Amino acid sequence: MPPSGGWTGWADLARRCFVTVCRLTGRAHHERRPLGTVKDAAYAWRQMLFHLALCDEEAAAGVLAWTREEVAGHPAHVAARLAPALAGLRLVADGGSFAADGTADAGRARRLTGWTTTGSHWLCGGSAEPGGR
């Protein structure tokens, strides 16, 4: 929920996108063929990144801190599935980068993309291997 004064600007839009990412991640958990929902979650993730890039440093840091609170309010499987993407987001925000395979920190941090090369996307509990982007 937004603070009593409400959210405004780019940070607000980034938060709204992340709420959508969480909702879609939860939905994908129950679907027989979840890749379409994963793609939609990845679109929302990219929009969130865009809006974060337009925030000043303080606002972006506030959104990153807020994501922990937001994801904690969703079912445990949503938090678990998004943990690698959130670790990747924090890694990049701190100046780090991913390896060519889209992972960092021994696979604990990952890029969130809407596709896979293995047929089972890691966001759906699929491959934890780098090829399962």
Protein backbone atom coordinates (compact mmCIF):
# COMPACT_ATOMS: atom_id res chain seq x y z
CA MET A 1 0.00 0.00 0.00
CA PRO A 2 1.23 3.51 -0.72
CA PRO A 3 2.29 5.74 2.15
CA SER A 4 -0.43 8.03 3.49
CA GLY A 5 0.60 10.82 1.12
CA GLY A 6 0.46 8.46 -1.86
CA TRP A 7 3.18 7.80 -4.41
CA THR A 8 4.04 10.10 -7.22
CA GLY A 9 6.30 10.10 -10.22
CA TRP A 10 8.68 7.49 -11.58
CA ALA A 11 9.06 5.67 -8.26
CA ASP A 12 5.30 5.18 -8.12
CA LEU A 13 5.27 3.71 -11.60
CA ALA A 14 8.18 1.39 -10.73
CA ARG A 15 6.29 0.16 -7.65
CA ARG A 16 3.13 -0.46 -9.65
CA CYS A 17 5.11 -2.48 -12.17
CA PHE A 18 6.64 -4.58 -9.39
CA VAL A 19 3.20 -5.27 -7.91
CA THR A 20 2.25 -6.58 -11.35
CA VAL A 21 5.41 -8.73 -11.50
CA CYS A 22 4.47 -10.28 -8.14
CA ARG A 23 0.87 -10.90 -9.18
CA LEU A 24 1.88 -12.54 -12.45
CA THR A 25 4.55 -14.65 -10.77
CA GLY A 26 1.91 -15.95 -8.39
CA ARG A 27 -0.42 -16.69 -11.28
CA ALA A 28 2.28 -18.57 -13.23
CA HIS A 29 2.69 -20.95 -10.30
CA HIS A 30 -0.80 -22.35 -10.93
CA GLU A 31 -0.79 -22.53 -14.71
CA ARG A 32 -0.23 -25.64 -16.76
CA ARG A 33 1.55 -23.63 -19.45
CA PRO A 34 2.95 -20.60 -17.63
CA LEU A 35 5.39 -19.21 -20.21
CA GLY A 36 2.90 -16.59 -21.49
CA THR A 37 2.44 -15.30 -17.97
CA VAL A 38 6.22 -15.34 -17.42
CA LYS A 39 6.57 -13.21 -20.55
CA ASP A 40 4.02 -10.73 -19.20
CA ALA A 41 5.91 -10.63 -15.87
CA ALA A 42 9.13 -9.96 -17.76
CA TYR A 43 7.46 -7.10 -19.66
CA ALA A 44 6.36 -5.58 -16.35
CA TRP A 45 9.89 -6.11 -14.97
CA ARG A 46 11.40 -4.22 -17.92
CA GLN A 47 8.93 -1.38 -17.43
CA MET A 48 9.92 -1.27 -13.76
CA LEU A 49 13.59 -1.02 -14.76
CA PHE A 50 12.77 1.82 -17.13
CA HIS A 51 10.95 3.75 -14.44
CA LEU A 52 13.72 3.07 -11.90
CA ALA A 53 16.27 4.44 -14.36
CA LEU A 54 14.36 7.72 -14.40
CA CYS A 55 14.30 8.00 -10.59
CA ASP A 56 16.89 9.97 -8.68
CA GLU A 57 19.24 7.90 -6.53
CA GLU A 58 17.24 8.36 -3.32
CA ALA A 59 13.92 7.41 -4.90
CA ALA A 60 15.42 4.36 -6.60
CA ALA A 61 16.94 3.21 -3.30
CA GLY A 62 13.53 3.63 -1.69
CA VAL A 63 11.88 1.47 -4.32
CA LEU A 64 14.55 -1.22 -3.94
CA ALA A 65 14.02 -1.29 -0.18
CA TRP A 66 10.25 -1.37 -0.67
CA THR A 67 10.45 -4.43 -2.96
CA ARG A 68 11.49 -6.52 0.06
CA GLU A 69 8.36 -5.46 1.93
CA GLU A 70 6.12 -5.96 -1.08
CA VAL A 71 7.34 -9.43 -1.98
CA ALA A 72 7.03 -10.49 1.67
CA GLY A 73 3.30 -9.75 1.46
CA HIS A 74 2.83 -12.36 -1.27
CA PRO A 75 2.77 -16.16 -0.94
CA ALA A 76 6.16 -17.69 -0.10
CA HIS A 77 6.51 -19.25 -3.55
CA VAL A 78 6.35 -15.78 -5.14
CA ALA A 79 9.16 -14.49 -2.93
CA ALA A 80 11.23 -17.61 -3.58
CA ARG A 81 10.78 -17.43 -7.34
CA LEU A 82 11.57 -13.72 -7.53
CA ALA A 83 14.57 -13.90 -5.18
CA PRO A 84 17.15 -14.42 -7.99
CA ALA A 85 15.73 -11.52 -10.03
CA LEU A 86 15.69 -9.24 -6.99
CA ALA A 87 19.26 -10.27 -6.15
CA GLY A 88 20.21 -9.41 -9.72
CA LEU A 89 18.47 -6.04 -9.49
CA ARG A 90 20.34 -5.19 -6.29
CA LEU A 91 23.60 -6.40 -7.82
CA VAL A 92 23.22 -4.05 -10.78
CA ALA A 93 22.04 -1.18 -8.56
CA ASP A 94 25.26 -1.60 -6.57
CA GLY A 95 27.35 -1.39 -9.74
CA GLY A 96 27.76 -5.12 -10.40
CA SER A 97 27.10 -6.99 -13.60
CA PHE A 98 25.98 -10.36 -14.87
CA ALA A 99 28.08 -12.97 -16.62
CA ALA A 100 27.35 -13.68 -20.27
CA ASP A 101 24.84 -16.37 -19.24
CA GLY A 102 22.69 -13.84 -17.36
CA THR A 103 23.64 -14.97 -13.88
CA ALA A 104 25.90 -13.84 -11.05
CA ASP A 105 26.82 -15.06 -7.58
CA ALA A 106 26.80 -18.73 -8.61
CA GLY A 107 23.31 -18.41 -10.10
CA ARG A 108 21.74 -16.79 -7.04
CA ALA A 109 21.31 -13.56 -9.03
CA ARG A 110 19.66 -13.70 -12.46
CA ARG A 111 18.28 -11.56 -15.22
CA LEU A 112 14.52 -11.80 -15.57
CA THR A 113 13.74 -12.38 -19.21
CA GLY A 114 10.54 -13.66 -20.77
CA TRP A 115 12.10 -16.54 -22.64
CA THR A 116 14.01 -19.73 -22.08
CA THR A 117 16.28 -21.89 -24.17
CA THR A 118 15.50 -25.07 -22.23
CA GLY A 119 11.70 -25.20 -22.32
CA SER A 120 11.39 -24.69 -18.56
CA HIS A 121 11.80 -21.13 -17.29
CA TRP A 122 13.55 -20.72 -13.95
CA LEU A 123 10.77 -18.40 -12.71
CA CYS A 124 8.39 -21.36 -12.93
CA GLY A 125 10.64 -23.55 -10.85
CA GLY A 126 12.35 -24.73 -14.04
CA SER A 127 16.02 -25.02 -14.69
CA ALA A 128 18.31 -23.30 -12.25
CA GLU A 129 21.08 -23.78 -14.79
CA PRO A 130 22.31 -20.74 -16.71
CA GLY A 131 20.77 -22.01 -19.96
CA GLY A 132 17.29 -21.76 -18.40
CA ARG A 133 17.19 -18.02 -18.55
